[in-house]
C-alpha atoms as a PDB file:
ATOM      1  CA  MET A   1      99.798 -49.371 -51.097  1.00  0.00           C
ATOM      2  CA  ALA A   2      96.688 -48.154 -48.502  1.00  0.00           C
ATOM      3  CA  ASP A   3      96.486 -45.140 -51.265  1.00  0.00           C
ATOM      4  CA  GLU A   4      95.152 -47.885 -54.356  1.00  0.00           C
ATOM      5  CA  ARG A   5      91.956 -48.151 -55.819  1.00  0.00           C
ATOM      6  CA  ILE A   6      91.276 -51.220 -57.891  1.00  0.00           C
ATOM      7  CA  GLY A   7      88.107 -51.820 -59.079  1.00  0.00           C
ATOM      8  CA  VAL A   8      87.548 -56.093 -60.359  1.00  0.00           C
ATOM      9  CA  LEU A   9      85.284 -56.557 -62.774  1.00  0.00           C
ATOM     10  CA  GLY A  10      83.294 -59.898 -62.330  1.00  0.00           C
ATOM     11  CA  SER A  11      82.134 -61.964 -58.961  1.00  0.00           C
ATOM     12  CA  GLY A  12      82.799 -64.999 -59.535  1.00  0.00           C
ATOM     13  CA  ASP A  13      85.604 -67.096 -57.981  1.00  0.00           C
ATOM     14  CA  VAL A  14      88.115 -65.512 -59.510  1.00  0.00           C
ATOM     15  CA  GLY A  15      86.601 -61.962 -59.319  1.00  0.00           C
ATOM     16  CA  ARG A  16      85.778 -62.725 -55.283  1.00  0.00           C
ATOM     17  CA  ALA A  17      89.934 -64.107 -55.236  1.00  0.00           C
ATOM     18  CA  LEU A  18      91.246 -61.220 -56.080  1.00  0.00           C
ATOM     19  CA  GLY A  19      88.598 -59.007 -54.727  1.00  0.00           C
ATOM     20  CA  ARG A  20      90.004 -60.669 -50.957  1.00  0.00           C
ATOM     21  CA  GLY A  21      93.936 -60.817 -51.923  1.00  0.00           C
ATOM     22  CA  PHE A  22      93.535 -57.412 -52.783  1.00  0.00           C
ATOM     23  CA  ALA A  23      91.670 -55.891 -49.657  1.00  0.00           C
ATOM     24  CA  ARG A  24      93.975 -58.155 -47.291  1.00  0.00           C
ATOM     25  CA  HIS A  25      97.237 -55.899 -48.326  1.00  0.00           C
ATOM     26  CA  GLY A  26      95.060 -52.742 -48.096  1.00  0.00           C
ATOM     27  CA  TRP A  27      94.219 -51.718 -51.172  1.00  0.00           C
ATOM     28  CA  ASP A  28      90.174 -50.043 -51.652  1.00  0.00           C
ATOM     29  CA  VAL A  29      88.219 -52.274 -53.769  1.00  0.00           C
ATOM     30  CA  LYS A  30      85.246 -51.592 -55.858  1.00  0.00           C
ATOM     31  CA  LEU A  31      83.505 -55.197 -56.993  1.00  0.00           C
ATOM     32  CA  GLY A  32      81.520 -54.914 -60.515  1.00  0.00           C
ATOM     33  CA  THR A  33      78.347 -57.323 -61.216  1.00  0.00           C
ATOM     34  CA  HIS A  34      75.189 -57.809 -61.934  1.00  0.00           C
ATOM     35  CA  SER A  35      73.794 -58.362 -58.768  1.00  0.00           C
ATOM     36  CA  PRO A  36      75.452 -56.386 -55.659  1.00  0.00           C
ATOM     37  CA  GLU A  37      73.258 -57.541 -53.362  1.00  0.00           C
ATOM     38  CA  ARG A  38      73.856 -60.744 -53.948  1.00  0.00           C
ATOM     39  CA  LEU A  39      77.380 -60.405 -52.720  1.00  0.00           C
ATOM     40  CA  GLN A  40      76.258 -59.052 -48.478  1.00  0.00           C
ATOM     41  CA  ASP A  41      77.491 -62.429 -47.320  1.00  0.00           C
ATOM     42  CA  TRP A  42      80.999 -61.573 -49.323  1.00  0.00           C
ATOM     43  CA  LEU A  43      81.317 -58.321 -48.303  1.00  0.00           C
ATOM     44  CA  GLY A  44      80.949 -59.582 -44.429  1.00  0.00           C
ATOM     45  CA  GLU A  45      83.777 -62.133 -44.727  1.00  0.00           C
ATOM     46  CA  VAL A  46      86.171 -59.277 -46.698  1.00  0.00           C
ATOM     47  CA  GLU A  47      85.099 -55.923 -43.934  1.00  0.00           C
ATOM     48  CA  GLY A  48      88.583 -55.792 -41.673  1.00  0.00           C
ATOM     49  CA  ALA A  49      90.213 -57.345 -43.811  1.00  0.00           C
ATOM     50  CA  GLY A  50      93.168 -54.840 -44.488  1.00  0.00           C
ATOM     51  CA  GLY A  51      91.089 -51.863 -47.198  1.00  0.00           C
ATOM     52  CA  ALA A  52      88.072 -50.790 -47.954  1.00  0.00           C
ATOM     53  CA  VAL A  53      85.271 -52.561 -49.768  1.00  0.00           C
ATOM     54  CA  SER A  54      82.556 -52.307 -51.841  1.00  0.00           C
ATOM     55  CA  VAL A  55      80.431 -53.496 -54.780  1.00  0.00           C
ATOM     56  CA  GLY A  56      78.762 -51.740 -56.942  1.00  0.00           C
ATOM     57  CA  SER A  57      77.766 -51.909 -60.561  1.00  0.00           C
ATOM     58  CA  PHE A  58      80.215 -52.882 -63.767  1.00  0.00           C
ATOM     59  CA  ALA A  59      80.777 -49.419 -64.728  1.00  0.00           C
ATOM     60  CA  GLU A  60      81.299 -48.223 -60.970  1.00  0.00           C
ATOM     61  CA  ALA A  61      84.003 -50.427 -60.552  1.00  0.00           C
ATOM     62  CA  ALA A  62      85.669 -49.337 -63.963  1.00  0.00           C
ATOM     63  CA  ALA A  63      85.467 -46.089 -63.235  1.00  0.00           C
ATOM     64  CA  HIS A  64      86.583 -46.745 -59.671  1.00  0.00           C
ATOM     65  CA  GLY A  65      90.889 -47.430 -59.442  1.00  0.00           C
ATOM     66  CA  ASP A  66      93.904 -46.542 -61.942  1.00  0.00           C
ATOM     67  CA  MET A  67      93.772 -49.970 -62.003  1.00  0.00           C
ATOM     68  CA  ALA A  68      90.726 -52.489 -63.354  1.00  0.00           C
ATOM     69  CA  VAL A  69      90.496 -56.737 -62.841  1.00  0.00           C
ATOM     70  CA  LEU A  70      88.720 -58.189 -65.717  1.00  0.00           C
ATOM     71  CA  ALA A  71      87.554 -61.445 -64.088  1.00  0.00           C
ATOM     72  CA  VAL A  72      84.322 -62.516 -65.920  1.00  0.00           C
ATOM     73  CA  LEU A  73      83.300 -66.009 -67.661  1.00  0.00           C
ATOM     74  CA  GLY A  74      85.443 -65.190 -71.926  1.00  0.00           C
ATOM     75  CA  GLU A  75      81.786 -65.324 -72.980  1.00  0.00           C
ATOM     76  CA  VAL A  76      80.645 -62.643 -71.216  1.00  0.00           C
ATOM     77  CA  ALA A  77      83.654 -60.256 -71.834  1.00  0.00           C
ATOM     78  CA  ASP A  78      80.536 -58.088 -72.516  1.00  0.00           C
ATOM     79  CA  VAL A  79      80.882 -56.359 -69.437  1.00  0.00           C
ATOM     80  CA  LEU A  80      82.912 -54.166 -70.935  1.00  0.00           C
ATOM     81  CA  ASP A  81      79.831 -52.481 -72.711  1.00  0.00           C
ATOM     82  CA  LEU A  82      77.578 -51.879 -69.643  1.00  0.00           C
ATOM     83  CA  ALA A  83      81.126 -50.535 -67.819  1.00  0.00           C
ATOM     84  CA  GLY A  84      81.779 -48.046 -70.659  1.00  0.00           C
ATOM     85  CA  PRO A  85      85.037 -48.250 -72.124  1.00  0.00           C
ATOM     86  CA  GLU A  86      85.771 -44.695 -71.819  1.00  0.00           C
ATOM     87  CA  ASN A  87      85.667 -45.890 -67.276  1.00  0.00           C
ATOM     88  CA  PHE A  88      88.935 -47.443 -68.463  1.00  0.00           C
ATOM     89  CA  ALA A  89      90.897 -44.389 -70.772  1.00  0.00           C
ATOM     90  CA  GLY A  90      94.359 -44.426 -68.397  1.00  0.00           C
ATOM     91  CA  THR A  91      93.870 -47.653 -67.032  1.00  0.00           C
ATOM     92  CA  LEU A  92      95.454 -50.459 -66.507  1.00  0.00           C
ATOM     93  CA  VAL A  93      93.399 -53.554 -67.356  1.00  0.00           C
ATOM     94  CA  LEU A  94      94.347 -56.782 -65.646  1.00  0.00           C
ATOM     95  CA  ASP A  95      92.667 -59.407 -68.054  1.00  0.00           C
ATOM     96  CA  ALA A  96      92.122 -62.670 -66.088  1.00  0.00           C
ATOM     97  CA  THR A  97      89.531 -64.173 -68.725  1.00  0.00           C
ATOM     98  CA  ASN A  98      89.899 -67.018 -70.589  1.00  0.00           C
ATOM     99  CA  PRO A  99      88.381 -68.139 -74.186  1.00  0.00           C
ATOM    100  CA  LEU A 100      86.180 -70.866 -72.712  1.00  0.00           C
ATOM    101  CA  ASP A 101      82.751 -72.097 -73.952  1.00  0.00           C
ATOM    102  CA  PHE A 102      80.727 -73.964 -71.904  1.00  0.00           C
ATOM    103  CA  SER A 103      77.421 -74.243 -73.857  1.00  0.00           C
ATOM    104  CA  GLY A 104      78.283 -77.596 -75.224  1.00  0.00           C
ATOM    105  CA  GLY A 105      79.417 -78.917 -71.529  1.00  0.00           C
ATOM    106  CA  ALA A 106      82.158 -80.484 -69.942  1.00  0.00           C
ATOM    107  CA  PRO A 107      85.259 -80.477 -71.210  1.00  0.00           C
ATOM    108  CA  PRO A 108      84.682 -77.100 -72.748  1.00  0.00           C
ATOM    109  CA  GLY A 109      85.377 -75.463 -75.707  1.00  0.00           C
ATOM    110  CA  LEU A 110      87.647 -72.593 -77.584  1.00  0.00           C
ATOM    111  CA  LEU A 111      84.585 -69.100 -78.717  1.00  0.00           C
ATOM    112  CA  PHE A 112      86.504 -68.590 -81.199  1.00  0.00           C
ATOM    113  CA  CYS A 113      90.205 -69.804 -83.176  1.00  0.00           C
ATOM    114  CA  GLY A 114      92.324 -67.203 -85.526  1.00  0.00           C
ATOM    115  CA  THR A 115      94.402 -65.499 -85.917  1.00  0.00           C
ATOM    116  CA  ASP A 116      94.576 -63.285 -82.906  1.00  0.00           C
ATOM    117  CA  SER A 117      93.237 -63.762 -78.955  1.00  0.00           C
ATOM    118  CA  LEU A 118      90.157 -62.888 -76.812  1.00  0.00           C
ATOM    119  CA  GLY A 119      93.443 -60.649 -75.288  1.00  0.00           C
ATOM    120  CA  GLU A 120      93.756 -58.979 -78.425  1.00  0.00           C
ATOM    121  CA  ARG A 121      90.061 -58.602 -78.518  1.00  0.00           C
ATOM    122  CA  ILE A 122      89.396 -57.544 -75.191  1.00  0.00           C
ATOM    123  CA  GLN A 123      92.446 -55.288 -75.857  1.00  0.00           C
ATOM    124  CA  ALA A 124      90.303 -53.430 -78.797  1.00  0.00           C
ATOM    125  CA  SER A 125      87.343 -52.588 -77.468  1.00  0.00           C
ATOM    126  CA  LEU A 126      89.669 -50.673 -74.922  1.00  0.00           C
ATOM    127  CA  PRO A 127      91.573 -49.117 -77.093  1.00  0.00           C
ATOM    128  CA  ASP A 128      92.625 -46.418 -74.075  1.00  0.00           C
ATOM    129  CA  ALA A 129      93.905 -48.814 -71.976  1.00  0.00           C
ATOM    130  CA  SER A 130      96.354 -50.571 -71.721  1.00  0.00           C
ATOM    131  CA  VAL A 131      95.101 -54.511 -71.640  1.00  0.00           C
ATOM    132  CA  VAL A 132      98.102 -57.289 -69.598  1.00  0.00           C
ATOM    133  CA  LYS A 133      97.056 -61.037 -69.725  1.00  0.00           C
ATOM    134  CA  CYS A 134      97.534 -62.293 -65.661  1.00  0.00           C
ATOM    135  CA  PHE A 135      96.020 -64.524 -63.356  1.00  0.00           C
ATOM    136  CA  ASN A 136      94.565 -67.133 -65.772  1.00  0.00           C
ATOM    137  CA  THR A 137      96.350 -69.523 -65.825  1.00  0.00           C
ATOM    138  CA  VAL A 138      96.237 -70.288 -62.013  1.00  0.00           C
ATOM    139  CA  SER A 139      93.938 -71.484 -60.090  1.00  0.00           C
ATOM    140  CA  THR A 140      92.263 -69.031 -57.077  1.00  0.00           C
ATOM    141  CA  ALA A 141      94.368 -70.588 -54.473  1.00  0.00           C
ATOM    142  CA  GLN A 142      97.390 -69.881 -55.968  1.00  0.00           C
ATOM    143  CA  MET A 143      96.602 -66.097 -56.889  1.00  0.00           C
ATOM    144  CA  VAL A 144      97.404 -64.311 -54.105  1.00  0.00           C
ATOM    145  CA  ASP A 145     100.092 -64.641 -51.343  1.00  0.00           C
ATOM    146  CA  PRO A 146     100.823 -68.310 -53.189  1.00  0.00           C
ATOM    147  CA  SER A 147     102.628 -71.252 -51.124  1.00  0.00           C
ATOM    148  CA  PHE A 148     104.525 -74.415 -52.488  1.00  0.00           C
ATOM    149  CA  GLU A 149     105.793 -77.323 -50.377  1.00  0.00           C
ATOM    150  CA  GLU A 150     109.430 -76.983 -49.806  1.00  0.00           C
ATOM    151  CA  GLY A 151     111.685 -78.753 -51.810  1.00  0.00           C
ATOM    152  CA  ARG A 152     108.635 -78.892 -54.557  1.00  0.00           C
ATOM    153  CA  ARG A 153     110.075 -77.177 -58.566  1.00  0.00           C
ATOM    154  CA  ARG A 154     108.070 -74.225 -59.015  1.00  0.00           C
END
């Protein structure tokens, strides 16, 4: 998979964990964020991990590869507008968002209720992409190369 390129939109715990994991498996990763300059330490940690790693804007990450990961808080899924929906045309988008509202503190509530989901809303805003919901029900420690205790149920 050395020729595979992926853009990761989001630089929080999930975005950094998945970016690190894809790089470790030889992918060319571009992490999209509001503040690329804040990720210099992270870049230093993952350089030499296997694949090429860089940071840039949301639009640069979206246009970077054949696949993209949406790894932002559900309430800021509007980064798709910043990234440019046209940059996702023909792209497989792995959606790791959760529709949680932290505005009232912990525990969070839901951003919205009804007959659709955040994944469906993201797909509707990216009609030329294929959106797949994943990674949003596991911790960052289990997202890449998970390991489980021997004899433990999975």
